[in-house]
Amino acid sequence: MASVQTSFQLDPGTAKAIEELKEAFGVSSNTAVIRKAVALARIAARNENPADGTVTVLDINGAPVKVSLAG
């Protein structure tokens, strides 16, 4: 499969979030963060509750947290 080159202009908040996610995901590149984020987004979209546009995940203590996928 051919590699596609894409450039992004990141605002400071997004750049900071990517840096934090590098540590959380255990990766060292922006590309790896984006790859994992897209994979998570794909899973979320496939499991979205059609009634309210949310996905429920469990926090570190096992409590449910609803995440809205609505635009």
PDB file of N, CA and C in Angstrom:
ATOM      1  N   MET A   1       0.843  -1.167   0.000  1.00  0.00           N
ATOM      2  CA  MET A   1       0.000   0.000   0.000  1.00  0.00           C
ATOM      3  C   MET A   1       0.894   1.237   0.000  1.00  0.00           C
ATOM      4  N   ALA A   2       0.568   2.190  -0.849  1.00  0.00           N
ATOM      5  CA  ALA A   2       1.357   3.415  -0.964  1.00  0.00           C
ATOM      6  C   ALA A   2       1.105   4.320   0.238  1.00  0.00           C
ATOM      7  N   SER A   3       2.134   5.013   0.647  1.00  0.00           N
ATOM      8  CA  SER A   3       2.033   5.956   1.750  1.00  0.00           C
ATOM      9  C   SER A   3       1.518   7.289   1.220  1.00  0.00           C
ATOM     10  N   VAL A   4       0.640   7.928   1.983  1.00  0.00           N
ATOM     11  CA  VAL A   4       0.098   9.222   1.613  1.00  0.00           C
ATOM     12  C   VAL A   4       0.698  10.272   2.531  1.00  0.00           C
ATOM     13  N   GLN A   5       1.239  11.325   1.956  1.00  0.00           N
ATOM     14  CA  GLN A   5       1.829  12.414   2.729  1.00  0.00           C
ATOM     15  C   GLN A   5       0.780  13.493   2.938  1.00  0.00           C
ATOM     16  N   THR A   6       0.534  13.842   4.201  1.00  0.00           N
ATOM     17  CA  THR A   6      -0.433  14.877   4.542  1.00  0.00           C
ATOM     18  C   THR A   6       0.197  15.805   5.566  1.00  0.00           C
ATOM     19  N   SER A   7      -0.087  17.086   5.428  1.00  0.00           N
ATOM     20  CA  SER A   7       0.423  18.071   6.385  1.00  0.00           C
ATOM     21  C   SER A   7      -0.728  18.667   7.167  1.00  0.00           C
ATOM     22  N   PHE A   8      -0.462  19.010   8.420  1.00  0.00           N
ATOM     23  CA  PHE A   8      -1.462  19.630   9.282  1.00  0.00           C
ATOM     24  C   PHE A   8      -0.873  20.878   9.918  1.00  0.00           C
ATOM     25  N   GLN A   9      -1.691  21.885  10.061  1.00  0.00           N
ATOM     26  CA  GLN A   9      -1.329  23.047  10.861  1.00  0.00           C
ATOM     27  C   GLN A   9      -2.035  22.860  12.188  1.00  0.00           C
ATOM     28  N   LEU A  10      -1.285  22.752  13.271  1.00  0.00           N
ATOM     29  CA  LEU A  10      -1.858  22.491  14.583  1.00  0.00           C
ATOM     30  C   LEU A  10      -1.857  23.751  15.435  1.00  0.00           C
ATOM     31  N   ASP A  11      -2.983  24.014  16.083  1.00  0.00           N
ATOM     32  CA  ASP A  11      -2.997  25.098  17.046  1.00  0.00           C
ATOM     33  C   ASP A  11      -2.281  24.599  18.304  1.00  0.00           C
ATOM     34  N   PRO A  12      -1.874  25.521  19.185  1.00  0.00           N
ATOM     35  CA  PRO A  12      -1.104  25.114  20.376  1.00  0.00           C
ATOM     36  C   PRO A  12      -1.825  24.092  21.257  1.00  0.00           C
ATOM     37  N   GLY A  13      -3.137  24.184  21.390  1.00  0.00           N
ATOM     38  CA  GLY A  13      -3.875  23.236  22.220  1.00  0.00           C
ATOM     39  C   GLY A  13      -3.847  21.831  21.657  1.00  0.00           C
ATOM     40  N   THR A  14      -3.986  21.723  20.340  1.00  0.00           N
ATOM     41  CA  THR A  14      -3.944  20.407  19.699  1.00  0.00           C
ATOM     42  C   THR A  14      -2.540  19.817  19.770  1.00  0.00           C
ATOM     43  N   ALA A  15      -1.530  20.651  19.557  1.00  0.00           N
ATOM     44  CA  ALA A  15      -0.151  20.179  19.650  1.00  0.00           C
ATOM     45  C   ALA A  15       0.134  19.652  21.056  1.00  0.00           C
ATOM     46  N   LYS A  16      -0.355  20.358  22.070  1.00  0.00           N
ATOM     47  CA  LYS A  16      -0.160  19.911  23.455  1.00  0.00           C
ATOM     48  C   LYS A  16      -0.878  18.586  23.697  1.00  0.00           C
ATOM     49  N   ALA A  17      -2.110  18.461  23.176  1.00  0.00           N
ATOM     50  CA  ALA A  17      -2.866  17.219  23.353  1.00  0.00           C
ATOM     51  C   ALA A  17      -2.136  16.046  22.708  1.00  0.00           C
ATOM     52  N   ILE A  18      -1.563  16.259  21.524  1.00  0.00           N
ATOM     53  CA  ILE A  18      -0.819  15.192  20.860  1.00  0.00           C
ATOM     54  C   ILE A  18       0.401  14.797  21.686  1.00  0.00           C
ATOM     55  N   GLU A  19       1.091  15.775  22.248  1.00  0.00           N
ATOM     56  CA  GLU A  19       2.247  15.464  23.098  1.00  0.00           C
ATOM     57  C   GLU A  19       1.821  14.629  24.308  1.00  0.00           C
ATOM     58  N   GLU A  20       0.695  14.998  24.928  1.00  0.00           N
ATOM     59  CA  GLU A  20       0.196  14.229  26.079  1.00  0.00           C
ATOM     60  C   GLU A  20      -0.213  12.823  25.662  1.00  0.00           C
ATOM     61  N   LEU A  21      -0.812  12.697  24.489  1.00  0.00           N
ATOM     62  CA  LEU A  21      -1.238  11.381  24.020  1.00  0.00           C
ATOM     63  C   LEU A  21      -0.070  10.485  23.655  1.00  0.00           C
ATOM     64  N   LYS A  22       1.050  11.062  23.257  1.00  0.00           N
ATOM     65  CA  LYS A  22       2.240  10.239  22.997  1.00  0.00           C
ATOM     66  C   LYS A  22       2.571   9.418  24.235  1.00  0.00           C
ATOM     67  N   GLU A  23       2.560  10.075  25.378  1.00  0.00           N
ATOM     68  CA  GLU A  23       2.866   9.367  26.630  1.00  0.00           C
ATOM     69  C   GLU A  23       1.763   8.366  26.969  1.00  0.00           C
ATOM     70  N   ALA A  24       0.510   8.805  26.862  1.00  0.00           N
ATOM     71  CA  ALA A  24      -0.615   7.925  27.214  1.00  0.00           C
ATOM     72  C   ALA A  24      -0.664   6.685  26.323  1.00  0.00           C
ATOM     73  N   PHE A  25      -0.362   6.862  25.024  1.00  0.00           N
ATOM     74  CA  PHE A  25      -0.395   5.744  24.081  1.00  0.00           C
ATOM     75  C   PHE A  25       0.911   4.963  24.045  1.00  0.00           C
ATOM     76  N   GLY A  26       1.961   5.507  24.673  1.00  0.00           N
ATOM     77  CA  GLY A  26       3.250   4.830  24.666  1.00  0.00           C
ATOM     78  C   GLY A  26       3.922   4.845  23.309  1.00  0.00           C
ATOM     79  N   VAL A  27       3.782   5.957  22.583  1.00  0.00           N
ATOM     80  CA  VAL A  27       4.385   6.089  21.261  1.00  0.00           C
ATOM     81  C   VAL A  27       5.260   7.344  21.230  1.00  0.00           C
ATOM     82  N   SER A  28       6.058   7.477  20.175  1.00  0.00           N
ATOM     83  CA  SER A  28       6.987   8.606  20.127  1.00  0.00           C
ATOM     84  C   SER A  28       6.747   9.568  18.967  1.00  0.00           C
ATOM     85  N   SER A  29       5.792   9.265  18.088  1.00  0.00           N
ATOM     86  CA  SER A  29       5.591  10.147  16.937  1.00  0.00           C
ATOM     87  C   SER A  29       4.152  10.650  16.856  1.00  0.00           C
ATOM     88  N   ASN A  30       3.997  11.805  16.229  1.00  0.00           N
ATOM     89  CA  ASN A  30       2.664  12.349  15.987  1.00  0.00           C
ATOM     90  C   ASN A  30       1.855  11.396  15.109  1.00  0.00           C
ATOM     91  N   THR A  31       2.517  10.784  14.133  1.00  0.00           N
ATOM     92  CA  THR A  31       1.846   9.844  13.238  1.00  0.00           C
ATOM     93  C   THR A  31       1.238   8.681  14.011  1.00  0.00           C
ATOM     94  N   ALA A  32       1.969   8.146  14.964  1.00  0.00           N
ATOM     95  CA  ALA A  32       1.463   7.022  15.755  1.00  0.00           C
ATOM     96  C   ALA A  32       0.267   7.449  16.596  1.00  0.00           C
ATOM     97  N   VAL A  33       0.300   8.674  17.135  1.00  0.00           N
ATOM     98  CA  VAL A  33      -0.846   9.182  17.899  1.00  0.00           C
ATOM     99  C   VAL A  33      -2.065   9.282  17.000  1.00  0.00           C
ATOM    100  N   ILE A  34      -1.902   9.866  15.826  1.00  0.00           N
ATOM    101  CA  ILE A  34      -3.032  10.031  14.913  1.00  0.00           C
ATOM    102  C   ILE A  34      -3.560   8.683  14.465  1.00  0.00           C
ATOM    103  N   ARG A  35      -2.678   7.724  14.197  1.00  0.00           N
ATOM    104  CA  ARG A  35      -3.104   6.377  13.793  1.00  0.00           C
ATOM    105  C   ARG A  35      -3.966   5.736  14.883  1.00  0.00           C
ATOM    106  N   LYS A  36      -3.524   5.846  16.138  1.00  0.00           N
ATOM    107  CA  LYS A  36      -4.294   5.264  17.247  1.00  0.00           C
ATOM    108  C   LYS A  36      -5.601   6.023  17.466  1.00  0.00           C
ATOM    109  N   ALA A  37      -5.567   7.331  17.336  1.00  0.00           N
ATOM    110  CA  ALA A  37      -6.777   8.129  17.514  1.00  0.00           C
ATOM    111  C   ALA A  37      -7.815   7.795  16.449  1.00  0.00           C
ATOM    112  N   VAL A  38      -7.377   7.609  15.214  1.00  0.00           N
ATOM    113  CA  VAL A  38      -8.303   7.231  14.142  1.00  0.00           C
ATOM    114  C   VAL A  38      -8.881   5.840  14.407  1.00  0.00           C
ATOM    115  N   ALA A  39      -8.068   4.918  14.879  1.00  0.00           N
ATOM    116  CA  ALA A  39      -8.561   3.576  15.199  1.00  0.00           C
ATOM    117  C   ALA A  39      -9.618   3.636  16.304  1.00  0.00           C
ATOM    118  N   LEU A  40      -9.361   4.453  17.329  1.00  0.00           N
ATOM    119  CA  LEU A  40     -10.349   4.616  18.402  1.00  0.00           C
ATOM    120  C   LEU A  40     -11.627   5.266  17.890  1.00  0.00           C
ATOM    121  N   ALA A  41     -11.484   6.252  17.020  1.00  0.00           N
ATOM    122  CA  ALA A  41     -12.658   6.915  16.443  1.00  0.00           C
ATOM    123  C   ALA A  41     -13.489   5.945  15.615  1.00  0.00           C
ATOM    124  N   ARG A  42     -12.822   5.064  14.884  1.00  0.00           N
ATOM    125  CA  ARG A  42     -13.539   4.061  14.081  1.00  0.00           C
ATOM    126  C   ARG A  42     -14.346   3.135  14.990  1.00  0.00           C
ATOM    127  N   ILE A  43     -13.745   2.694  16.092  1.00  0.00           N
ATOM    128  CA  ILE A  43     -14.458   1.826  17.036  1.00  0.00           C
ATOM    129  C   ILE A  43     -15.641   2.568  17.645  1.00  0.00           C
ATOM    130  N   ALA A  44     -15.417   3.822  18.040  1.00  0.00           N
ATOM    131  CA  ALA A  44     -16.494   4.617  18.628  1.00  0.00           C
ATOM    132  C   ALA A  44     -17.646   4.787  17.640  1.00  0.00           C
ATOM    133  N   ALA A  45     -17.334   5.107  16.399  1.00  0.00           N
ATOM    134  CA  ALA A  45     -18.379   5.319  15.392  1.00  0.00           C
ATOM    135  C   ALA A  45     -19.186   4.045  15.152  1.00  0.00           C
ATOM    136  N   ARG A  46     -18.534   2.907  15.183  1.00  0.00           N
ATOM    137  CA  ARG A  46     -19.234   1.632  14.969  1.00  0.00           C
ATOM    138  C   ARG A  46     -20.136   1.271  16.142  1.00  0.00           C
ATOM    139  N   ASN A  47     -19.837   1.819  17.319  1.00  0.00           N
ATOM    140  CA  ASN A  47     -20.583   1.460  18.520  1.00  0.00           C
ATOM    141  C   ASN A  47     -21.403   2.614  19.089  1.00  0.00           C
ATOM    142  N   GLU A  48     -21.640   3.612  18.280  1.00  0.00           N
ATOM    143  CA  GLU A  48     -22.408   4.778  18.706  1.00  0.00           C
ATOM    144  C   GLU A  48     -23.850   4.397  18.992  1.00  0.00           C
ATOM    145  N   ASN A  49     -24.390   4.949  20.081  1.00  0.00           N
ATOM    146  CA  ASN A  49     -25.798   4.761  20.411  1.00  0.00           C
ATOM    147  C   ASN A  49     -26.593   5.683  19.489  1.00  0.00           C
ATOM    148  N   PRO A  50     -27.378   5.119  18.569  1.00  0.00           N
ATOM    149  CA  PRO A  50     -28.097   5.965  17.614  1.00  0.00           C
ATOM    150  C   PRO A  50     -29.146   6.868  18.276  1.00  0.00           C
ATOM    151  N   ALA A  51     -29.602   6.518  19.450  1.00  0.00           N
ATOM    152  CA  ALA A  51     -30.631   7.313  20.115  1.00  0.00           C
ATOM    153  C   ALA A  51     -30.119   8.676  20.557  1.00  0.00           C
ATOM    154  N   ASP A  52     -28.855   8.728  21.021  1.00  0.00           N
ATOM    155  CA  ASP A  52     -28.352  10.011  21.524  1.00  0.00           C
ATOM    156  C   ASP A  52     -26.960  10.376  21.016  1.00  0.00           C
ATOM    157  N   GLY A  53     -26.406   9.578  20.105  1.00  0.00           N
ATOM    158  CA  GLY A  53     -25.114   9.910  19.513  1.00  0.00           C
ATOM    159  C   GLY A  53     -23.946   9.816  20.473  1.00  0.00           C
ATOM    160  N   THR A  54     -24.037   8.927  21.459  1.00  0.00           N
ATOM    161  CA  THR A  54     -22.958   8.785  22.436  1.00  0.00           C
ATOM    162  C   THR A  54     -22.348   7.390  22.386  1.00  0.00           C
ATOM    163  N   VAL A  55     -21.178   7.306  22.981  1.00  0.00           N
ATOM    164  CA  VAL A  55     -20.511   6.034  23.239  1.00  0.00           C
ATOM    165  C   VAL A  55     -20.222   6.034  24.730  1.00  0.00           C
ATOM    166  N   THR A  56     -20.445   4.908  25.380  1.00  0.00           N
ATOM    167  CA  THR A  56     -20.157   4.809  26.806  1.00  0.00           C
ATOM    168  C   THR A  56     -18.865   4.038  27.001  1.00  0.00           C
ATOM    169  N   VAL A  57     -17.952   4.651  27.747  1.00  0.00           N
ATOM    170  CA  VAL A  57     -16.684   4.008  28.092  1.00  0.00           C
ATOM    171  C   VAL A  57     -16.604   3.941  29.607  1.00  0.00           C
ATOM    172  N   LEU A  58     -15.699   3.132  30.104  1.00  0.00           N
ATOM    173  CA  LEU A  58     -15.512   3.034  31.545  1.00  0.00           C
ATOM    174  C   LEU A  58     -14.273   3.815  31.942  1.00  0.00           C
ATOM    175  N   ASP A  59     -14.394   4.595  33.036  1.00  0.00           N
ATOM    176  CA  ASP A  59     -13.221   5.311  33.519  1.00  0.00           C
ATOM    177  C   ASP A  59     -12.328   4.347  34.283  1.00  0.00           C
ATOM    178  N   ILE A  60     -11.236   4.842  34.804  1.00  0.00           N
ATOM    179  CA  ILE A  60     -10.238   4.005  35.474  1.00  0.00           C
ATOM    180  C   ILE A  60     -10.808   3.253  36.672  1.00  0.00           C
ATOM    181  N   ASN A  61     -11.901   3.776  37.249  1.00  0.00           N
ATOM    182  CA  ASN A  61     -12.549   3.126  38.393  1.00  0.00           C
ATOM    183  C   ASN A  61     -13.710   2.231  37.986  1.00  0.00           C
ATOM    184  N   GLY A  62     -13.945   2.112  36.678  1.00  0.00           N
ATOM    185  CA  GLY A  62     -15.025   1.264  36.188  1.00  0.00           C
ATOM    186  C   GLY A  62     -16.366   1.962  36.097  1.00  0.00           C
ATOM    187  N   ALA A  63     -16.407   3.269  36.347  1.00  0.00           N
ATOM    188  CA  ALA A  63     -17.656   4.023  36.240  1.00  0.00           C
ATOM    189  C   ALA A  63     -17.901   4.393  34.776  1.00  0.00           C
ATOM    190  N   PRO A  64     -19.149   4.274  34.324  1.00  0.00           N
ATOM    191  CA  PRO A  64     -19.453   4.617  32.929  1.00  0.00           C
ATOM    192  C   PRO A  64     -19.369   6.123  32.697  1.00  0.00           C
ATOM    193  N   VAL A  65     -18.816   6.468  31.533  1.00  0.00           N
ATOM    194  CA  VAL A  65     -18.720   7.864  31.095  1.00  0.00           C
ATOM    195  C   VAL A  65     -19.265   7.923  29.675  1.00  0.00           C
ATOM    196  N   LYS A  66     -20.277   8.754  29.446  1.00  0.00           N
ATOM    197  CA  LYS A  66     -20.826   8.918  28.102  1.00  0.00           C
ATOM    198  C   LYS A  66     -20.035   9.981  27.366  1.00  0.00           C
ATOM    199  N   VAL A  67     -19.625   9.649  26.139  1.00  0.00           N
ATOM    200  CA  VAL A  67     -18.889  10.573  25.292  1.00  0.00           C
ATOM    201  C   VAL A  67     -19.758  10.857  24.080  1.00  0.00           C
ATOM    202  N   SER A  68     -20.032  12.134  23.845  1.00  0.00           N
ATOM    203  CA  SER A  68     -20.865  12.521  22.715  1.00  0.00           C
ATOM    204  C   SER A  68     -20.057  12.533  21.431  1.00  0.00           C
ATOM    205  N   LEU A  69     -20.600  11.936  20.383  1.00  0.00           N
ATOM    206  CA  LEU A  69     -19.973  11.970  19.062  1.00  0.00           C
ATOM    207  C   LEU A  69     -20.668  12.984  18.170  1.00  0.00           C
ATOM    208  N   ALA A  70     -21.652  13.683  18.718  1.00  0.00           N
ATOM    209  CA  ALA A  70     -22.394  14.678  17.942  1.00  0.00           C
ATOM    210  C   ALA A  70     -21.469  15.832  17.589  1.00  0.00           C
ATOM    211  N   GLY A  71     -21.636  16.346  16.394  1.00  0.00           N
ATOM    212  CA  GLY A  71     -20.809  17.442  15.887  1.00  0.00           C
ATOM    213  C   GLY A  71     -21.010  18.669  16.646  1.00  0.00           C
TER     214      GLY A  71
END
